[in-house]
Amino acid sequence: MSAETPVQSAGHFTRARLRFRDWRGNRPFWAGLFTLLGGVPIAYFPYATFKLGNMSLAMATTAGAGSLIIGVLLITLGLTMWFQQATRIFAGVAAIILGLVSLVVSNIGGFVIGFLLSLIGGALSVSWMPRDESAEGARAKRSRKHGPGGHAKDDAAPAETAPIASPADAGAPVQPYSESAPADNGSGHGGYRAD
């Protein structure tokens, strides 16, 4: 598929992937994913029973209900980050606080796995900013105006440059500096230009 291929002629998988990429780009996707994944081990480990041959190992503690509540809240906060972007800062701070509380309440924060994931997700949520459409529009307009190199397009012919001096001209007088001479010889480099 080339860059010129319209999206309508793309396959179902490609269209779904592009829609998902657009959906993911408009919300703190990774923050929600890390927070959601952080809630799973915190809620799961206190109720898990591991089998080692004939021996079963149960992690049941008195704080099982607290672990379940913290895990469910972290999963809910992860979904909130995805579907309610306006509350991303509250959700991020709450995820960080719940991750810290899980260290004490829930088997060292789900064996540190859930603790770290919820801290990373909360930090990503607090630091995420929505796209500024006006800034993107201005950037696109500037890109069209200045071209791909980022420099102003100048349709005027470049100024004539002085010929290179030969050793025979070593005794010739030097031209004095003039403040009215252009600093960049019209190349668009080396200064600010008002259009």
C-alpha atoms as a PDB file:
ATOM      1  CA  MET A   1       0.000   0.000   0.000  1.00  0.00           C
ATOM      2  CA  SER A   2       1.521   3.300  -1.036  1.00  0.00           C
ATOM      3  CA  ALA A   3       0.976   6.753   0.425  1.00  0.00           C
ATOM      4  CA  GLU A   4      -1.255   7.662  -2.515  1.00  0.00           C
ATOM      5  CA  THR A   5      -3.649   4.730  -1.993  1.00  0.00           C
ATOM      6  CA  PRO A   6      -6.974   6.012  -0.650  1.00  0.00           C
ATOM      7  CA  VAL A   7      -8.174   4.549   2.627  1.00  0.00           C
ATOM      8  CA  GLN A   8     -11.417   3.296   1.005  1.00  0.00           C
ATOM      9  CA  SER A   9      -9.544   0.795  -1.174  1.00  0.00           C
ATOM     10  CA  ALA A  10      -7.646  -0.612   1.817  1.00  0.00           C
ATOM     11  CA  GLY A  11      -8.680  -3.897   3.389  1.00  0.00           C
ATOM     12  CA  HIS A  12     -10.864  -4.281   6.472  1.00  0.00           C
ATOM     13  CA  PHE A  13      -7.870  -4.956   8.696  1.00  0.00           C
ATOM     14  CA  THR A  14      -6.046  -1.844   7.492  1.00  0.00           C
ATOM     15  CA  ARG A  15      -9.112   0.353   7.997  1.00  0.00           C
ATOM     16  CA  ALA A  16      -9.644  -1.053  11.486  1.00  0.00           C
ATOM     17  CA  ARG A  17      -5.969  -0.505  12.300  1.00  0.00           C
ATOM     18  CA  LEU A  18      -6.095   3.107  11.086  1.00  0.00           C
ATOM     19  CA  ARG A  19      -9.295   3.776  13.058  1.00  0.00           C
ATOM     20  CA  PHE A  20      -7.707   2.262  16.170  1.00  0.00           C
ATOM     21  CA  ARG A  21      -4.562   4.363  15.672  1.00  0.00           C
ATOM     22  CA  ASP A  22      -6.696   7.506  15.391  1.00  0.00           C
ATOM     23  CA  TRP A  23      -8.706   6.521  18.497  1.00  0.00           C
ATOM     24  CA  ARG A  24      -5.508   5.745  20.419  1.00  0.00           C
ATOM     25  CA  GLY A  25      -3.922   9.077  19.446  1.00  0.00           C
ATOM     26  CA  ASN A  26      -6.776  11.131  20.935  1.00  0.00           C
ATOM     27  CA  ARG A  27      -6.543   9.775  24.491  1.00  0.00           C
ATOM     28  CA  PRO A  28      -3.925   8.681  27.055  1.00  0.00           C
ATOM     29  CA  PHE A  29      -3.968   5.121  25.722  1.00  0.00           C
ATOM     30  CA  TRP A  30      -0.730   3.849  27.264  1.00  0.00           C
ATOM     31  CA  ALA A  31      -1.557   5.402  30.625  1.00  0.00           C
ATOM     32  CA  GLY A  32      -4.889   3.592  30.704  1.00  0.00           C
ATOM     33  CA  LEU A  33      -3.313   0.313  29.594  1.00  0.00           C
ATOM     34  CA  PHE A  34      -0.572   0.401  32.259  1.00  0.00           C
ATOM     35  CA  THR A  35      -3.076   1.343  34.978  1.00  0.00           C
ATOM     36  CA  LEU A  36      -5.484  -1.387  33.907  1.00  0.00           C
ATOM     37  CA  LEU A  37      -2.687  -3.982  33.824  1.00  0.00           C
ATOM     38  CA  GLY A  38      -1.487  -2.763  37.235  1.00  0.00           C
ATOM     39  CA  GLY A  39      -4.872  -3.541  38.783  1.00  0.00           C
ATOM     40  CA  VAL A  40      -4.890  -7.168  37.602  1.00  0.00           C
ATOM     41  CA  PRO A  41      -2.033  -8.588  39.746  1.00  0.00           C
ATOM     42  CA  ILE A  42      -3.093  -6.536  42.762  1.00  0.00           C
ATOM     43  CA  ALA A  43      -6.599  -8.039  42.635  1.00  0.00           C
ATOM     44  CA  TYR A  44      -5.529 -11.535  41.524  1.00  0.00           C
ATOM     45  CA  PHE A  45      -2.648 -12.593  43.782  1.00  0.00           C
ATOM     46  CA  PRO A  46      -4.500 -12.581  47.143  1.00  0.00           C
ATOM     47  CA  TYR A  47      -7.059 -15.030  45.711  1.00  0.00           C
ATOM     48  CA  ALA A  48      -4.681 -17.165  43.649  1.00  0.00           C
ATOM     49  CA  THR A  49      -3.757 -20.713  44.570  1.00  0.00           C
ATOM     50  CA  PHE A  50      -0.592 -22.064  43.000  1.00  0.00           C
ATOM     51  CA  LYS A  51      -0.065 -25.810  42.576  1.00  0.00           C
ATOM     52  CA  LEU A  52       3.444 -27.217  42.927  1.00  0.00           C
ATOM     53  CA  GLY A  53       3.010 -30.935  42.382  1.00  0.00           C
ATOM     54  CA  ASN A  54       0.843 -32.193  45.260  1.00  0.00           C
ATOM     55  CA  MET A  55       1.388 -29.050  47.312  1.00  0.00           C
ATOM     56  CA  SER A  56      -0.896 -26.044  46.934  1.00  0.00           C
ATOM     57  CA  LEU A  57       0.262 -22.568  47.875  1.00  0.00           C
ATOM     58  CA  ALA A  58      -2.432 -20.039  48.793  1.00  0.00           C
ATOM     59  CA  MET A  59      -1.679 -16.327  49.115  1.00  0.00           C
ATOM     60  CA  ALA A  60      -4.881 -15.617  51.055  1.00  0.00           C
ATOM     61  CA  THR A  61      -4.448 -12.785  53.518  1.00  0.00           C
ATOM     62  CA  THR A  62      -6.738 -10.778  55.739  1.00  0.00           C
ATOM     63  CA  ALA A  63      -6.406  -7.920  53.287  1.00  0.00           C
ATOM     64  CA  GLY A  64      -8.002  -9.870  50.404  1.00  0.00           C
ATOM     65  CA  ALA A  65     -11.023  -7.566  50.216  1.00  0.00           C
ATOM     66  CA  GLY A  66      -8.814  -4.473  50.245  1.00  0.00           C
ATOM     67  CA  SER A  67      -6.684  -5.912  47.441  1.00  0.00           C
ATOM     68  CA  LEU A  68      -9.766  -6.671  45.386  1.00  0.00           C
ATOM     69  CA  ILE A  69     -11.115  -3.140  45.877  1.00  0.00           C
ATOM     70  CA  ILE A  70      -7.792  -1.534  44.926  1.00  0.00           C
ATOM     71  CA  GLY A  71      -7.452  -3.771  41.853  1.00  0.00           C
ATOM     72  CA  VAL A  72     -10.989  -3.075  40.644  1.00  0.00           C
ATOM     73  CA  LEU A  73     -10.519   0.660  41.208  1.00  0.00           C
ATOM     74  CA  LEU A  74      -7.286   0.635  39.182  1.00  0.00           C
ATOM     75  CA  ILE A  75      -8.996  -1.215  36.335  1.00  0.00           C
ATOM     76  CA  THR A  76     -11.841   1.318  36.467  1.00  0.00           C
ATOM     77  CA  LEU A  77      -9.379   4.225  36.453  1.00  0.00           C
ATOM     78  CA  GLY A  78      -7.613   2.737  33.419  1.00  0.00           C
ATOM     79  CA  LEU A  79     -10.913   2.596  31.528  1.00  0.00           C
ATOM     80  CA  THR A  80     -11.725   6.127  32.700  1.00  0.00           C
ATOM     81  CA  MET A  81      -8.461   7.379  31.210  1.00  0.00           C
ATOM     82  CA  TRP A  82      -9.515   5.895  27.864  1.00  0.00           C
ATOM     83  CA  PHE A  83     -13.106   7.073  27.715  1.00  0.00           C
ATOM     84  CA  GLN A  84     -13.147  10.280  29.845  1.00  0.00           C
ATOM     85  CA  GLN A  85     -10.041  12.254  28.913  1.00  0.00           C
ATOM     86  CA  ALA A  86     -11.233  15.303  30.868  1.00  0.00           C
ATOM     87  CA  THR A  87     -10.643  13.434  34.138  1.00  0.00           C
ATOM     88  CA  ARG A  88      -7.159  12.178  33.214  1.00  0.00           C
ATOM     89  CA  ILE A  89      -5.357  14.196  35.905  1.00  0.00           C
ATOM     90  CA  PHE A  90      -7.683  13.028  38.676  1.00  0.00           C
ATOM     91  CA  ALA A  91      -7.462   9.443  37.408  1.00  0.00           C
ATOM     92  CA  GLY A  92      -3.657   9.625  37.235  1.00  0.00           C
ATOM     93  CA  VAL A  93      -3.282  10.983  40.759  1.00  0.00           C
ATOM     94  CA  ALA A  94      -5.769   8.399  42.081  1.00  0.00           C
ATOM     95  CA  ALA A  95      -3.844   5.598  40.325  1.00  0.00           C
ATOM     96  CA  ILE A  96      -0.580   6.745  41.903  1.00  0.00           C
ATOM     97  CA  ILE A  97      -2.162   6.917  45.379  1.00  0.00           C
ATOM     98  CA  LEU A  98      -3.827   3.501  44.995  1.00  0.00           C
ATOM     99  CA  GLY A  99      -0.535   2.034  43.778  1.00  0.00           C
ATOM    100  CA  LEU A 100       1.226   3.351  46.880  1.00  0.00           C
ATOM    101  CA  VAL A 101      -1.537   2.041  49.164  1.00  0.00           C
ATOM    102  CA  SER A 102      -1.279  -1.379  47.516  1.00  0.00           C
ATOM    103  CA  LEU A 103       2.274  -1.725  48.838  1.00  0.00           C
ATOM    104  CA  VAL A 104       0.888  -2.001  52.364  1.00  0.00           C
ATOM    105  CA  VAL A 105      -2.490  -3.600  51.710  1.00  0.00           C
ATOM    106  CA  SER A 106      -1.922  -6.070  48.877  1.00  0.00           C
ATOM    107  CA  ASN A 107       1.132  -8.360  49.082  1.00  0.00           C
ATOM    108  CA  ILE A 108       3.673  -5.613  48.401  1.00  0.00           C
ATOM    109  CA  GLY A 109       1.596  -4.148  45.589  1.00  0.00           C
ATOM    110  CA  GLY A 110       0.942  -7.410  43.753  1.00  0.00           C
ATOM    111  CA  PHE A 111       4.578  -8.448  44.181  1.00  0.00           C
ATOM    112  CA  VAL A 112       5.699  -4.987  42.995  1.00  0.00           C
ATOM    113  CA  ILE A 113       4.392  -5.704  39.473  1.00  0.00           C
ATOM    114  CA  GLY A 114       1.008  -4.024  39.974  1.00  0.00           C
ATOM    115  CA  PHE A 115       2.593  -1.236  42.002  1.00  0.00           C
ATOM    116  CA  LEU A 116       5.052  -0.311  39.233  1.00  0.00           C
ATOM    117  CA  LEU A 117       2.492  -0.595  36.443  1.00  0.00           C
ATOM    118  CA  SER A 118      -0.026   1.607  38.265  1.00  0.00           C
ATOM    119  CA  LEU A 119       2.652   4.206  39.075  1.00  0.00           C
ATOM    120  CA  ILE A 120       3.793   4.347  35.443  1.00  0.00           C
ATOM    121  CA  GLY A 121       0.191   4.543  34.208  1.00  0.00           C
ATOM    122  CA  GLY A 122      -0.691   7.300  36.684  1.00  0.00           C
ATOM    123  CA  ALA A 123       2.382   9.331  35.753  1.00  0.00           C
ATOM    124  CA  LEU A 124       1.657   8.970  32.033  1.00  0.00           C
ATOM    125  CA  SER A 125      -1.941  10.055  32.596  1.00  0.00           C
ATOM    126  CA  VAL A 126      -0.961  13.172  34.538  1.00  0.00           C
ATOM    127  CA  SER A 127       1.604  14.168  31.921  1.00  0.00           C
ATOM    128  CA  TRP A 128      -0.553  13.512  28.824  1.00  0.00           C
ATOM    129  CA  MET A 129      -1.896  16.552  26.950  1.00  0.00           C
ATOM    130  CA  PRO A 130      -4.511  16.520  24.198  1.00  0.00           C
ATOM    131  CA  ARG A 131      -3.502  17.630  20.733  1.00  0.00           C
ATOM    132  CA  ASP A 132      -3.820  21.346  20.165  1.00  0.00           C
ATOM    133  CA  GLU A 133      -5.659  21.521  16.849  1.00  0.00           C
ATOM    134  CA  SER A 134      -4.876  25.221  16.355  1.00  0.00           C
ATOM    135  CA  ALA A 135      -1.154  24.568  16.828  1.00  0.00           C
ATOM    136  CA  GLU A 136      -1.268  21.649  14.386  1.00  0.00           C
ATOM    137  CA  GLY A 137      -3.109  23.806  11.853  1.00  0.00           C
ATOM    138  CA  ALA A 138      -0.520  26.565  12.213  1.00  0.00           C
ATOM    139  CA  ARG A 139       2.298  24.021  11.885  1.00  0.00           C
ATOM    140  CA  ALA A 140       0.745  22.589   8.708  1.00  0.00           C
ATOM    141  CA  LYS A 141       0.251  26.100   7.289  1.00  0.00           C
ATOM    142  CA  ARG A 142       3.865  27.000   8.097  1.00  0.00           C
ATOM    143  CA  SER A 143       5.023  23.767   6.478  1.00  0.00           C
ATOM    144  CA  ARG A 144       3.104  24.563   3.275  1.00  0.00           C
ATOM    145  CA  LYS A 145       4.452  28.116   3.256  1.00  0.00           C
ATOM    146  CA  HIS A 146       8.083  27.319   4.007  1.00  0.00           C
ATOM    147  CA  GLY A 147       8.400  24.004   2.202  1.00  0.00           C
ATOM    148  CA  PRO A 148       9.737  20.709   3.466  1.00  0.00           C
ATOM    149  CA  GLY A 149      13.106  22.117   4.572  1.00  0.00           C
ATOM    150  CA  GLY A 150      11.520  24.561   6.994  1.00  0.00           C
ATOM    151  CA  HIS A 151      13.056  27.601   5.292  1.00  0.00           C
ATOM    152  CA  ALA A 152      11.115  30.404   3.665  1.00  0.00           C
ATOM    153  CA  LYS A 153      10.594  30.053  -0.051  1.00  0.00           C
ATOM    154  CA  ASP A 154      12.150  33.007  -1.809  1.00  0.00           C
ATOM    155  CA  ASP A 155      11.124  33.543  -5.418  1.00  0.00           C
ATOM    156  CA  ALA A 156      13.444  36.514  -5.885  1.00  0.00           C
ATOM    157  CA  ALA A 157      16.741  35.960  -7.658  1.00  0.00           C
ATOM    158  CA  PRO A 158      19.742  35.746  -5.356  1.00  0.00           C
ATOM    159  CA  ALA A 159      21.844  38.864  -5.037  1.00  0.00           C
ATOM    160  CA  GLU A 160      25.039  39.052  -7.045  1.00  0.00           C
ATOM    161  CA  THR A 161      28.105  38.005  -5.122  1.00  0.00           C
ATOM    162  CA  ALA A 162      31.504  39.607  -5.373  1.00  0.00           C
ATOM    163  CA  PRO A 163      34.086  37.752  -7.450  1.00  0.00           C
ATOM    164  CA  ILE A 164      36.813  35.879  -5.622  1.00  0.00           C
ATOM    165  CA  ALA A 165      39.908  38.032  -5.212  1.00  0.00           C
ATOM    166  CA  SER A 166      43.063  36.867  -6.941  1.00  0.00           C
ATOM    167  CA  PRO A 167      46.575  37.364  -5.549  1.00  0.00           C
ATOM    168  CA  ALA A 168      47.023  40.210  -8.060  1.00  0.00           C
ATOM    169  CA  ASP A 169      44.225  42.154  -6.319  1.00  0.00           C
ATOM    170  CA  ALA A 170      45.965  41.962  -2.924  1.00  0.00           C
ATOM    171  CA  GLY A 171      46.863  45.653  -3.080  1.00  0.00           C
ATOM    172  CA  ALA A 172      43.303  46.751  -3.977  1.00  0.00           C
ATOM    173  CA  PRO A 173      41.410  48.778  -1.364  1.00  0.00           C
ATOM    174  CA  VAL A 174      38.799  46.906   0.684  1.00  0.00           C
ATOM    175  CA  GLN A 175      35.160  48.009   0.372  1.00  0.00           C
ATOM    176  CA  PRO A 176      33.860  49.506   3.646  1.00  0.00           C
ATOM    177  CA  TYR A 177      30.990  47.749   5.471  1.00  0.00           C
ATOM    178  CA  SER A 178      27.578  49.151   4.651  1.00  0.00           C
ATOM    179  CA  GLU A 179      24.654  48.726   7.064  1.00  0.00           C
ATOM    180  CA  SER A 180      22.176  48.835   4.195  1.00  0.00           C
ATOM    181  CA  ALA A 181      23.594  45.646   2.645  1.00  0.00           C
ATOM    182  CA  PRO A 182      21.507  42.516   3.202  1.00  0.00           C
ATOM    183  CA  ALA A 183      22.927  40.201   5.866  1.00  0.00           C
ATOM    184  CA  ASP A 184      22.003  36.928   4.217  1.00  0.00           C
ATOM    185  CA  ASN A 185      22.131  37.786   0.494  1.00  0.00           C
ATOM    186  CA  GLY A 186      18.495  36.755   0.055  1.00  0.00           C
ATOM    187  CA  SER A 187      19.104  33.083   0.775  1.00  0.00           C
ATOM    188  CA  GLY A 188      16.581  32.947   3.625  1.00  0.00           C
ATOM    189  CA  HIS A 189      19.215  31.753   6.089  1.00  0.00           C
ATOM    190  CA  GLY A 190      20.819  33.604   8.957  1.00  0.00           C
ATOM    191  CA  GLY A 191      18.107  35.868  10.340  1.00  0.00           C
ATOM    192  CA  TYR A 192      14.454  36.597  10.872  1.00  0.00           C
ATOM    193  CA  ARG A 193      12.290  37.626   8.007  1.00  0.00           C
ATOM    194  CA  ALA A 194       8.908  39.305   8.214  1.00  0.00           C
ATOM    195  CA  ASP A 195       6.497  38.482   5.416  1.00  0.00           C
END
